[in-house]
Amino acid sequence: MNSYTSSDAVASLRQAGVPVTHQRIEIARALFSAPVHLSADQIWAKVLEASPDVSRATVYNTLRLFSEKKMIRELFVDPQRVVYDSTTTPHHHLYNMDTGEVCDISDEELRVIGVPRLPEGVVLEEIDVIVRVRNRVG
């Protein structure tokens, strides 16, 4: 957690309208120091390195808040696994089901053309494309 400073974190929190606390600063630093796709427990482990007093519950609650404020994206890569993406601009993902690794797919590599006809009374919020792969055997 080097280039993204506490001052950067404070500015991001304030811009999103999130009250600033020490714990939220450390969680923001874990998420925004580099583009990441991490589980809540991976984020908690990173935060504990710098701030051992932060609880797991605080991390989970803060991730929910950051997601509500559109600071991060929740990716449901499979029924038992959620990762948090620090890049909120539209993009797609490649998920290796064997290793658990998630990486971005650029718009040049995959394009979504058109949208389905939506039922009356709803609006499109976003389109998430997750390409799931497995390691080749043999």
C-alpha atoms as a PDB file:
ATOM      1  CA  MET A   1       0.000   0.000   0.000  1.00  0.00           C
ATOM      2  CA  ASN A   2       2.393   2.641  -1.171  1.00  0.00           C
ATOM      3  CA  SER A   3       1.365   5.181  -3.821  1.00  0.00           C
ATOM      4  CA  TYR A   4      -2.198   5.758  -2.669  1.00  0.00           C
ATOM      5  CA  THR A   5      -1.793   7.872   0.461  1.00  0.00           C
ATOM      6  CA  SER A   6      -4.032   8.479   3.437  1.00  0.00           C
ATOM      7  CA  SER A   7      -4.665  11.966   2.042  1.00  0.00           C
ATOM      8  CA  ASP A   8      -5.832  10.401  -1.237  1.00  0.00           C
ATOM      9  CA  ALA A   9      -8.154   8.108   0.720  1.00  0.00           C
ATOM     10  CA  VAL A  10      -9.603  10.997   2.722  1.00  0.00           C
ATOM     11  CA  ALA A  11     -10.258  12.931  -0.494  1.00  0.00           C
ATOM     12  CA  SER A  12     -11.975   9.922  -2.100  1.00  0.00           C
ATOM     13  CA  LEU A  13     -14.147   9.326   0.953  1.00  0.00           C
ATOM     14  CA  ARG A  14     -15.183  12.969   1.161  1.00  0.00           C
ATOM     15  CA  GLN A  15     -15.922  13.140  -2.563  1.00  0.00           C
ATOM     16  CA  ALA A  16     -18.214  10.113  -2.232  1.00  0.00           C
ATOM     17  CA  GLY A  17     -19.917  11.558   0.854  1.00  0.00           C
ATOM     18  CA  VAL A  18     -18.565   8.857   3.161  1.00  0.00           C
ATOM     19  CA  PRO A  19     -17.725   9.918   6.722  1.00  0.00           C
ATOM     20  CA  VAL A  20     -13.974   9.627   7.280  1.00  0.00           C
ATOM     21  CA  THR A  21     -12.690   7.173   9.889  1.00  0.00           C
ATOM     22  CA  HIS A  22      -9.283   5.575  10.385  1.00  0.00           C
ATOM     23  CA  GLN A  23     -10.700   2.171   9.414  1.00  0.00           C
ATOM     24  CA  ARG A  24     -12.277   3.479   6.207  1.00  0.00           C
ATOM     25  CA  ILE A  25      -9.014   5.169   5.247  1.00  0.00           C
ATOM     26  CA  GLU A  26      -7.129   1.867   5.600  1.00  0.00           C
ATOM     27  CA  ILE A  27      -9.785  -0.055   3.665  1.00  0.00           C
ATOM     28  CA  ALA A  28      -9.696   2.564   0.886  1.00  0.00           C
ATOM     29  CA  ARG A  29      -5.908   2.283   0.734  1.00  0.00           C
ATOM     30  CA  ALA A  30      -6.156  -1.509   0.405  1.00  0.00           C
ATOM     31  CA  LEU A  31      -8.621  -1.133  -2.454  1.00  0.00           C
ATOM     32  CA  PHE A  32      -7.306   1.840  -4.382  1.00  0.00           C
ATOM     33  CA  SER A  33      -3.512   1.499  -4.249  1.00  0.00           C
ATOM     34  CA  ALA A  34      -3.810  -0.504  -7.477  1.00  0.00           C
ATOM     35  CA  PRO A  35      -6.650  -1.985  -9.513  1.00  0.00           C
ATOM     36  CA  VAL A  36      -7.790  -5.060  -7.565  1.00  0.00           C
ATOM     37  CA  HIS A  37     -10.358  -7.843  -7.493  1.00  0.00           C
ATOM     38  CA  LEU A  38     -10.273  -9.026  -3.883  1.00  0.00           C
ATOM     39  CA  SER A  39     -12.601 -10.879  -1.538  1.00  0.00           C
ATOM     40  CA  ALA A  40     -13.632  -9.251   1.724  1.00  0.00           C
ATOM     41  CA  ASP A  41     -11.265 -11.534   3.646  1.00  0.00           C
ATOM     42  CA  GLN A  42      -8.361 -10.663   1.327  1.00  0.00           C
ATOM     43  CA  ILE A  43      -9.069  -6.964   1.906  1.00  0.00           C
ATOM     44  CA  TRP A  44      -9.273  -7.563   5.651  1.00  0.00           C
ATOM     45  CA  ALA A  45      -5.882  -9.324   5.576  1.00  0.00           C
ATOM     46  CA  LYS A  46      -4.312  -6.365   3.741  1.00  0.00           C
ATOM     47  CA  VAL A  47      -5.846  -3.895   6.197  1.00  0.00           C
ATOM     48  CA  LEU A  48      -4.610  -5.899   9.208  1.00  0.00           C
ATOM     49  CA  GLU A  49      -0.999  -5.410   8.044  1.00  0.00           C
ATOM     50  CA  ALA A  50      -1.311  -1.666   8.587  1.00  0.00           C
ATOM     51  CA  SER A  51      -4.034  -1.543  11.203  1.00  0.00           C
ATOM     52  CA  PRO A  52      -4.453  -4.693  13.338  1.00  0.00           C
ATOM     53  CA  ASP A  53      -7.403  -3.228  15.267  1.00  0.00           C
ATOM     54  CA  VAL A  54      -9.837  -3.315  12.299  1.00  0.00           C
ATOM     55  CA  SER A  55     -12.481  -6.026  12.671  1.00  0.00           C
ATOM     56  CA  ARG A  56     -13.834  -8.278   9.929  1.00  0.00           C
ATOM     57  CA  ALA A  57     -17.318  -6.822  10.521  1.00  0.00           C
ATOM     58  CA  THR A  58     -15.988  -3.301   9.941  1.00  0.00           C
ATOM     59  CA  VAL A  59     -14.487  -4.389   6.617  1.00  0.00           C
ATOM     60  CA  TYR A  60     -17.734  -6.055   5.491  1.00  0.00           C
ATOM     61  CA  ASN A  61     -19.846  -3.051   6.534  1.00  0.00           C
ATOM     62  CA  THR A  62     -17.455  -0.631   4.846  1.00  0.00           C
ATOM     63  CA  LEU A  63     -17.440  -2.656   1.631  1.00  0.00           C
ATOM     64  CA  ARG A  64     -21.238  -2.528   1.599  1.00  0.00           C
ATOM     65  CA  LEU A  65     -21.101   1.258   2.093  1.00  0.00           C
ATOM     66  CA  PHE A  66     -18.424   1.732  -0.598  1.00  0.00           C
ATOM     67  CA  SER A  67     -20.540  -0.343  -2.982  1.00  0.00           C
ATOM     68  CA  GLU A  68     -23.678   1.689  -2.224  1.00  0.00           C
ATOM     69  CA  LYS A  69     -21.701   4.878  -2.885  1.00  0.00           C
ATOM     70  CA  LYS A  70     -20.431   3.411  -6.204  1.00  0.00           C
ATOM     71  CA  MET A  71     -16.799   3.610  -5.070  1.00  0.00           C
ATOM     72  CA  ILE A  72     -16.348  -0.102  -5.848  1.00  0.00           C
ATOM     73  CA  ARG A  73     -18.213  -2.816  -7.727  1.00  0.00           C
ATOM     74  CA  GLU A  74     -19.357  -6.122  -6.276  1.00  0.00           C
ATOM     75  CA  LEU A  75     -18.731  -9.020  -8.643  1.00  0.00           C
ATOM     76  CA  PHE A  76     -20.597 -12.250  -7.977  1.00  0.00           C
ATOM     77  CA  VAL A  77     -18.186 -14.547  -9.788  1.00  0.00           C
ATOM     78  CA  ASP A  78     -19.839 -17.726  -8.536  1.00  0.00           C
ATOM     79  CA  PRO A  79     -22.492 -18.586  -5.927  1.00  0.00           C
ATOM     80  CA  GLN A  80     -19.948 -18.817  -3.093  1.00  0.00           C
ATOM     81  CA  ARG A  81     -17.587 -16.029  -4.107  1.00  0.00           C
ATOM     82  CA  VAL A  82     -17.883 -12.264  -4.243  1.00  0.00           C
ATOM     83  CA  VAL A  83     -14.947 -10.040  -5.126  1.00  0.00           C
ATOM     84  CA  TYR A  84     -14.719  -6.281  -4.937  1.00  0.00           C
ATOM     85  CA  ASP A  85     -13.470  -4.422  -7.980  1.00  0.00           C
ATOM     86  CA  SER A  86     -11.770  -1.084  -7.461  1.00  0.00           C
ATOM     87  CA  THR A  87     -12.382  -0.058 -11.085  1.00  0.00           C
ATOM     88  CA  THR A  88     -15.909   1.288 -11.447  1.00  0.00           C
ATOM     89  CA  THR A  89     -15.860   2.294 -15.105  1.00  0.00           C
ATOM     90  CA  PRO A  90     -17.656  -0.159 -17.412  1.00  0.00           C
ATOM     91  CA  HIS A  91     -15.568  -3.228 -18.252  1.00  0.00           C
ATOM     92  CA  HIS A  92     -15.804  -7.011 -18.275  1.00  0.00           C
ATOM     93  CA  HIS A  93     -14.017  -9.821 -16.431  1.00  0.00           C
ATOM     94  CA  LEU A  94     -12.291 -13.141 -16.910  1.00  0.00           C
ATOM     95  CA  TYR A  95     -12.675 -15.513 -13.948  1.00  0.00           C
ATOM     96  CA  ASN A  96     -10.481 -18.610 -13.633  1.00  0.00           C
ATOM     97  CA  MET A  97     -12.675 -21.063 -11.730  1.00  0.00           C
ATOM     98  CA  ASP A  98      -9.659 -23.243 -10.829  1.00  0.00           C
ATOM     99  CA  THR A  99      -7.404 -20.526  -9.410  1.00  0.00           C
ATOM    100  CA  GLY A 100      -9.983 -17.934  -8.319  1.00  0.00           C
ATOM    101  CA  GLU A 101      -8.132 -15.220 -10.245  1.00  0.00           C
ATOM    102  CA  VAL A 102     -10.216 -12.389 -11.695  1.00  0.00           C
ATOM    103  CA  CYS A 103      -8.815 -10.006 -14.297  1.00  0.00           C
ATOM    104  CA  ASP A 104     -10.227  -7.260 -16.476  1.00  0.00           C
ATOM    105  CA  ILE A 105     -11.139  -7.697 -20.121  1.00  0.00           C
ATOM    106  CA  SER A 106     -10.776  -4.503 -22.107  1.00  0.00           C
ATOM    107  CA  ASP A 107     -13.534  -3.100 -24.285  1.00  0.00           C
ATOM    108  CA  GLU A 108     -11.357  -3.871 -27.332  1.00  0.00           C
ATOM    109  CA  GLU A 109     -11.374  -7.578 -26.452  1.00  0.00           C
ATOM    110  CA  LEU A 110     -15.098  -7.980 -25.820  1.00  0.00           C
ATOM    111  CA  ARG A 111     -17.985  -5.798 -26.901  1.00  0.00           C
ATOM    112  CA  VAL A 112     -21.636  -6.049 -25.933  1.00  0.00           C
ATOM    113  CA  ILE A 113     -23.837  -4.952 -28.802  1.00  0.00           C
ATOM    114  CA  GLY A 114     -27.374  -3.976 -27.954  1.00  0.00           C
ATOM    115  CA  VAL A 115     -29.442  -4.622 -24.880  1.00  0.00           C
ATOM    116  CA  PRO A 116     -32.448  -6.877 -24.360  1.00  0.00           C
ATOM    117  CA  ARG A 117     -35.958  -5.500 -24.467  1.00  0.00           C
ATOM    118  CA  LEU A 118     -36.726  -4.605 -20.879  1.00  0.00           C
ATOM    119  CA  PRO A 119     -40.029  -5.233 -19.116  1.00  0.00           C
ATOM    120  CA  GLU A 120     -42.295  -2.264 -18.547  1.00  0.00           C
ATOM    121  CA  GLY A 121     -41.370  -0.185 -15.504  1.00  0.00           C
ATOM    122  CA  VAL A 122     -37.657  -1.082 -15.246  1.00  0.00           C
ATOM    123  CA  VAL A 123     -34.470   0.634 -16.342  1.00  0.00           C
ATOM    124  CA  LEU A 124     -31.089  -0.843 -17.159  1.00  0.00           C
ATOM    125  CA  GLU A 125     -28.578  -0.259 -14.371  1.00  0.00           C
ATOM    126  CA  GLU A 126     -25.533  -2.062 -15.763  1.00  0.00           C
ATOM    127  CA  ILE A 127     -24.371  -5.049 -17.757  1.00  0.00           C
ATOM    128  CA  ASP A 128     -21.810  -7.371 -16.188  1.00  0.00           C
ATOM    129  CA  VAL A 129     -20.067  -9.927 -18.371  1.00  0.00           C
ATOM    130  CA  ILE A 130     -17.978 -12.532 -16.582  1.00  0.00           C
ATOM    131  CA  VAL A 131     -16.179 -15.028 -18.817  1.00  0.00           C
ATOM    132  CA  ARG A 132     -15.550 -18.175 -16.740  1.00  0.00           C
ATOM    133  CA  VAL A 133     -12.640 -20.430 -17.667  1.00  0.00           C
ATOM    134  CA  ARG A 134     -10.877 -23.511 -16.276  1.00  0.00           C
ATOM    135  CA  ASN A 135      -7.287 -24.604 -16.654  1.00  0.00           C
ATOM    136  CA  ARG A 136      -6.712 -26.971 -19.539  1.00  0.00           C
ATOM    137  CA  VAL A 137      -6.048 -30.519 -18.358  1.00  0.00           C
ATOM    138  CA  GLY A 138      -3.288 -32.451 -20.063  1.00  0.00           C
END
